[in-house]
PDB file of all heavy atoms in Angstrom:
ATOM      1  N   GLY A   1       5.690  -7.690  -3.174  1.00  0.00           N
ATOM      2  CA  GLY A   1       7.095  -7.632  -2.795  1.00  0.00           C
ATOM      3  C   GLY A   1       7.916  -6.814  -3.774  1.00  0.00           C
ATOM      4  O   GLY A   1       7.400  -6.001  -4.531  1.00  0.00           O
ATOM      5  N   ALA A   2       9.206  -7.071  -3.787  1.00  0.00           N
ATOM      6  CA  ALA A   2      10.141  -6.249  -4.554  1.00  0.00           C
ATOM      7  C   ALA A   2      10.383  -6.733  -5.980  1.00  0.00           C
ATOM      8  O   ALA A   2      11.159  -6.132  -6.704  1.00  0.00           O
ATOM      9  CB  ALA A   2      11.474  -6.193  -3.803  1.00  0.00           C
ATOM     10  N   ARG A   3       9.735  -7.797  -6.382  1.00  0.00           N
ATOM     11  CA  ARG A   3       9.940  -8.331  -7.725  1.00  0.00           C
ATOM     12  C   ARG A   3       9.381  -7.363  -8.779  1.00  0.00           C
ATOM     13  O   ARG A   3       8.276  -6.843  -8.616  1.00  0.00           O
ATOM     14  CB  ARG A   3       9.244  -9.682  -7.827  1.00  0.00           C
ATOM     15  CG  ARG A   3       9.626 -10.455  -9.028  1.00  0.00           C
ATOM     16  CD  ARG A   3       9.119 -11.878  -8.911  1.00  0.00           C
ATOM     17  NE  ARG A   3       9.341 -12.522 -10.181  1.00  0.00           N
ATOM     18  CZ  ARG A   3       8.910 -13.710 -10.484  1.00  0.00           C
ATOM     19  NH1 ARG A   3       8.248 -14.407  -9.598  1.00  0.00           N
ATOM     20  NH2 ARG A   3       9.143 -14.229 -11.648  1.00  0.00           N
ATOM     21  N   PRO A   4      10.111  -7.124  -9.881  1.00  0.00           N
ATOM     22  CA  PRO A   4       9.626  -6.175 -10.888  1.00  0.00           C
ATOM     23  C   PRO A   4       8.408  -6.699 -11.655  1.00  0.00           C
ATOM     24  O   PRO A   4       8.220  -7.906 -11.817  1.00  0.00           O
ATOM     25  CB  PRO A   4      10.817  -6.002 -11.830  1.00  0.00           C
ATOM     26  CG  PRO A   4      11.671  -7.192 -11.614  1.00  0.00           C
ATOM     27  CD  PRO A   4      11.422  -7.663 -10.209  1.00  0.00           C
ATOM     28  N   SER A   5       7.573  -5.775 -12.129  1.00  0.00           N
ATOM     29  CA  SER A   5       6.399  -6.124 -12.935  1.00  0.00           C
ATOM     30  C   SER A   5       6.830  -6.667 -14.283  1.00  0.00           C
ATOM     31  O   SER A   5       7.911  -6.360 -14.776  1.00  0.00           O
ATOM     32  CB  SER A   5       5.540  -4.878 -13.158  1.00  0.00           C
ATOM     33  OG  SER A   5       5.095  -4.372 -11.935  1.00  0.00           O
ATOM     34  N   VAL A   6       5.963  -7.495 -14.891  1.00  0.00           N
ATOM     35  CA  VAL A   6       6.263  -8.098 -16.188  1.00  0.00           C
ATOM     36  C   VAL A   6       5.227  -7.606 -17.202  1.00  0.00           C
ATOM     37  O   VAL A   6       4.027  -7.817 -17.010  1.00  0.00           O
ATOM     38  CB  VAL A   6       6.216  -9.641 -16.104  1.00  0.00           C
ATOM     39  CG1 VAL A   6       6.437 -10.271 -17.463  1.00  0.00           C
ATOM     40  CG2 VAL A   6       7.236 -10.153 -15.101  1.00  0.00           C
ATOM     41  N   PRO A   7       5.675  -6.966 -18.293  1.00  0.00           N
ATOM     42  CA  PRO A   7       4.726  -6.547 -19.326  1.00  0.00           C
ATOM     43  C   PRO A   7       4.217  -7.750 -20.118  1.00  0.00           C
ATOM     44  O   PRO A   7       4.963  -8.680 -20.403  1.00  0.00           O
ATOM     45  CB  PRO A   7       5.544  -5.608 -20.219  1.00  0.00           C
ATOM     46  CG  PRO A   7       6.967  -5.849 -19.885  1.00  0.00           C
ATOM     47  CD  PRO A   7       7.030  -6.537 -18.559  1.00  0.00           C
ATOM     48  N   CYS A   8       2.921  -7.738 -20.464  1.00  0.00           N
ATOM     49  CA  CYS A   8       2.297  -8.842 -21.191  1.00  0.00           C
ATOM     50  C   CYS A   8       1.370  -8.289 -22.274  1.00  0.00           C
ATOM     51  O   CYS A   8       0.927  -7.151 -22.201  1.00  0.00           O
ATOM     52  CB  CYS A   8       1.483  -9.700 -20.226  1.00  0.00           C
ATOM     53  SG  CYS A   8       2.450 -10.404 -18.881  1.00  0.00           S
ATOM     54  N   LYS A   9       1.051  -9.146 -23.251  1.00  0.00           N
ATOM     55  CA  LYS A   9       0.166  -8.735 -24.335  1.00  0.00           C
ATOM     56  C   LYS A   9      -1.293  -9.090 -24.081  1.00  0.00           C
ATOM     57  O   LYS A   9      -2.161  -8.701 -24.840  1.00  0.00           O
ATOM     58  CB  LYS A   9       0.632  -9.345 -25.644  1.00  0.00           C
ATOM     59  CG  LYS A   9       1.957  -8.784 -26.085  1.00  0.00           C
ATOM     60  CD  LYS A   9       2.340  -9.205 -27.472  1.00  0.00           C
ATOM     61  CE  LYS A   9       3.666  -8.558 -27.792  1.00  0.00           C
ATOM     62  NZ  LYS A   9       4.007  -8.586 -29.167  1.00  0.00           N
ATOM     63  N   SER A  10      -1.568  -9.848 -23.002  1.00  0.00           N
ATOM     64  CA  SER A  10      -2.951 -10.183 -22.682  1.00  0.00           C
ATOM     65  C   SER A  10      -3.092 -10.374 -21.171  1.00  0.00           C
ATOM     66  O   SER A  10      -2.121 -10.663 -20.463  1.00  0.00           O
ATOM     67  CB  SER A  10      -3.387 -11.472 -23.396  1.00  0.00           C
ATOM     68  OG  SER A  10      -2.723 -12.590 -22.851  1.00  0.00           O
ATOM     69  N   ALA A  11      -4.325 -10.204 -20.703  1.00  0.00           N
ATOM     70  CA  ALA A  11      -4.615 -10.439 -19.290  1.00  0.00           C
ATOM     71  C   ALA A  11      -4.381 -11.907 -18.948  1.00  0.00           C
ATOM     72  O   ALA A  11      -3.880 -12.237 -17.874  1.00  0.00           O
ATOM     73  CB  ALA A  11      -6.056 -10.033 -18.987  1.00  0.00           C
ATOM     74  N   LYS A  12      -4.723 -12.795 -19.872  1.00  0.00           N
ATOM     75  CA  LYS A  12      -4.544 -14.230 -19.647  1.00  0.00           C
ATOM     76  C   LYS A  12      -3.069 -14.573 -19.440  1.00  0.00           C
ATOM     77  O   LYS A  12      -2.716 -15.327 -18.532  1.00  0.00           O
ATOM     78  CB  LYS A  12      -5.112 -15.014 -20.830  1.00  0.00           C
ATOM     79  CG  LYS A  12      -5.045 -16.496 -20.649  1.00  0.00           C
ATOM     80  CD  LYS A  12      -5.712 -17.226 -21.789  1.00  0.00           C
ATOM     81  CE  LYS A  12      -5.686 -18.730 -21.543  1.00  0.00           C
ATOM     82  NZ  LYS A  12      -6.420 -19.468 -22.555  1.00  0.00           N
ATOM     83  N   GLN A  13      -2.198 -14.012 -20.261  1.00  0.00           N
ATOM     84  CA  GLN A  13      -0.761 -14.255 -20.133  1.00  0.00           C
ATOM     85  C   GLN A  13      -0.244 -13.715 -18.798  1.00  0.00           C
ATOM     86  O   GLN A  13       0.540 -14.382 -18.115  1.00  0.00           O
ATOM     87  CB  GLN A  13      -0.012 -13.601 -21.296  1.00  0.00           C
ATOM     88  CG  GLN A  13       1.488 -13.799 -21.228  1.00  0.00           C
ATOM     89  CD  GLN A  13       2.238 -12.975 -22.276  1.00  0.00           C
ATOM     90  OE1 GLN A  13       1.756 -11.943 -22.730  1.00  0.00           O
ATOM     91  NE2 GLN A  13       3.406 -13.450 -22.645  1.00  0.00           N
ATOM     92  N   ALA A  14      -0.686 -12.529 -18.407  1.00  0.00           N
ATOM     93  CA  ALA A  14      -0.246 -11.930 -17.147  1.00  0.00           C
ATOM     94  C   ALA A  14      -0.674 -12.784 -15.954  1.00  0.00           C
ATOM     95  O   ALA A  14       0.115 -13.025 -15.032  1.00  0.00           O
ATOM     96  CB  ALA A  14      -0.799 -10.512 -17.023  1.00  0.00           C
ATOM     97  N   CYS A  15      -1.909 -13.271 -15.977  1.00  0.00           N
ATOM     98  CA  CYS A  15      -2.399 -14.106 -14.876  1.00  0.00           C
ATOM     99  C   CYS A  15      -1.652 -15.435 -14.805  1.00  0.00           C
ATOM    100  O   CYS A  15      -1.382 -15.946 -13.722  1.00  0.00           O
ATOM    101  CB  CYS A  15      -3.902 -14.335 -15.024  1.00  0.00           C
ATOM    102  SG  CYS A  15      -4.881 -12.876 -14.626  1.00  0.00           S
ATOM    103  N   GLU A  16      -1.304 -15.993 -15.955  1.00  0.00           N
ATOM    104  CA  GLU A  16      -0.541 -17.241 -15.965  1.00  0.00           C
ATOM    105  C   GLU A  16       0.846 -17.035 -15.363  1.00  0.00           C
ATOM    106  O   GLU A  16       1.326 -17.866 -14.586  1.00  0.00           O
ATOM    107  CB  GLU A  16      -0.427 -17.775 -17.393  1.00  0.00           C
ATOM    108  CG  GLU A  16       0.288 -19.109 -17.463  1.00  0.00           C
ATOM    109  CD  GLU A  16       0.305 -19.706 -18.866  1.00  0.00           C
ATOM    110  OE1 GLU A  16       0.048 -18.965 -19.842  1.00  0.00           O
ATOM    111  OE2 GLU A  16       0.565 -20.906 -18.973  1.00  0.00           O
ATOM    112  N   ILE A  17       1.489 -15.927 -15.678  1.00  0.00           N
ATOM    113  CA  ILE A  17       2.801 -15.613 -15.109  1.00  0.00           C
ATOM    114  C   ILE A  17       2.707 -15.492 -13.594  1.00  0.00           C
ATOM    115  O   ILE A  17       3.543 -16.026 -12.859  1.00  0.00           O
ATOM    116  CB  ILE A  17       3.375 -14.334 -15.747  1.00  0.00           C
ATOM    117  CG1 ILE A  17       3.801 -14.631 -17.187  1.00  0.00           C
ATOM    118  CG2 ILE A  17       4.533 -13.769 -14.940  1.00  0.00           C
ATOM    119  CD1 ILE A  17       4.132 -13.408 -18.011  1.00  0.00           C
ATOM    120  N   LEU A  18       1.671 -14.809 -13.104  1.00  0.00           N
ATOM    121  CA  LEU A  18       1.477 -14.675 -11.655  1.00  0.00           C
ATOM    122  C   LEU A  18       1.245 -16.037 -10.995  1.00  0.00           C
ATOM    123  O   LEU A  18       1.805 -16.329  -9.942  1.00  0.00           O
ATOM    124  CB  LEU A  18       0.304 -13.739 -11.358  1.00  0.00           C
ATOM    125  CG  LEU A  18       0.536 -12.263 -11.657  1.00  0.00           C
ATOM    126  CD1 LEU A  18      -0.778 -11.492 -11.559  1.00  0.00           C
ATOM    127  CD2 LEU A  18       1.573 -11.676 -10.720  1.00  0.00           C
ATOM    128  N   ALA A  19       0.425 -16.882 -11.616  1.00  0.00           N
ATOM    129  CA  ALA A  19       0.124 -18.202 -11.050  1.00  0.00           C
ATOM    130  C   ALA A  19       1.361 -19.098 -11.026  1.00  0.00           C
ATOM    131  O   ALA A  19       1.615 -19.787 -10.033  1.00  0.00           O
ATOM    132  CB  ALA A  19      -1.000 -18.868 -11.834  1.00  0.00           C
ATOM    133  N   LYS A  20       2.138 -19.090 -12.111  1.00  0.00           N
ATOM    134  CA  LYS A  20       3.354 -19.918 -12.148  1.00  0.00           C
ATOM    135  C   LYS A  20       4.361 -19.479 -11.098  1.00  0.00           C
ATOM    136  O   LYS A  20       5.055 -20.306 -10.503  1.00  0.00           O
ATOM    137  CB  LYS A  20       3.978 -19.871 -13.544  1.00  0.00           C
ATOM    138  CG  LYS A  20       3.221 -20.714 -14.550  1.00  0.00           C
ATOM    139  CD  LYS A  20       3.878 -20.682 -15.908  1.00  0.00           C
ATOM    140  CE  LYS A  20       3.167 -21.625 -16.871  1.00  0.00           C
ATOM    141  NZ  LYS A  20       3.751 -21.593 -18.218  1.00  0.00           N
ATOM    142  N   ALA A  21       4.451 -18.188 -10.855  1.00  0.00           N
ATOM    143  CA  ALA A  21       5.357 -17.696  -9.811  1.00  0.00           C
ATOM    144  C   ALA A  21       4.824 -18.053  -8.423  1.00  0.00           C
ATOM    145  O   ALA A  21       5.591 -18.404  -7.530  1.00  0.00           O
ATOM    146  CB  ALA A  21       5.532 -16.185  -9.947  1.00  0.00           C
ATOM    147  N   ALA A  22       3.508 -17.984  -8.253  1.00  0.00           N
ATOM    148  CA  ALA A  22       2.909 -18.250  -6.941  1.00  0.00           C
ATOM    149  C   ALA A  22       3.129 -19.683  -6.478  1.00  0.00           C
ATOM    150  O   ALA A  22       3.375 -19.915  -5.298  1.00  0.00           O
ATOM    151  CB  ALA A  22       1.413 -17.927  -6.977  1.00  0.00           C
ATOM    152  N   VAL A  23       3.031 -20.657  -7.384  1.00  0.00           N
ATOM    153  CA  VAL A  23       3.180 -22.054  -6.954  1.00  0.00           C
ATOM    154  C   VAL A  23       4.597 -22.364  -6.488  1.00  0.00           C
ATOM    155  O   VAL A  23       4.819 -23.377  -5.838  1.00  0.00           O
ATOM    156  CB  VAL A  23       2.750 -23.069  -8.047  1.00  0.00           C
ATOM    157  CG1 VAL A  23       1.292 -22.891  -8.401  1.00  0.00           C
ATOM    158  CG2 VAL A  23       3.619 -23.000  -9.273  1.00  0.00           C
ATOM    159  N   LYS A  24       5.542 -21.478  -6.772  1.00  0.00           N
ATOM    160  CA  LYS A  24       6.932 -21.664  -6.329  1.00  0.00           C
ATOM    161  C   LYS A  24       7.215 -20.970  -5.001  1.00  0.00           C
ATOM    162  O   LYS A  24       8.288 -21.154  -4.432  1.00  0.00           O
ATOM    163  CB  LYS A  24       7.889 -21.120  -7.393  1.00  0.00           C
ATOM    164  CG  LYS A  24       7.813 -21.880  -8.698  1.00  0.00           C
ATOM    165  CD  LYS A  24       8.700 -21.246  -9.740  1.00  0.00           C
ATOM    166  CE  LYS A  24       8.499 -21.916 -11.093  1.00  0.00           C
ATOM    167  NZ  LYS A  24       9.218 -21.232 -12.160  1.00  0.00           N
TER     168      LYS A  24
END
């Protein structure tokens, strides 16, 4: 969708951000 990308320092952090957004 139209939500902007989020820069992260690790793949693990990026995946956690995606998962937390998905459950909402």
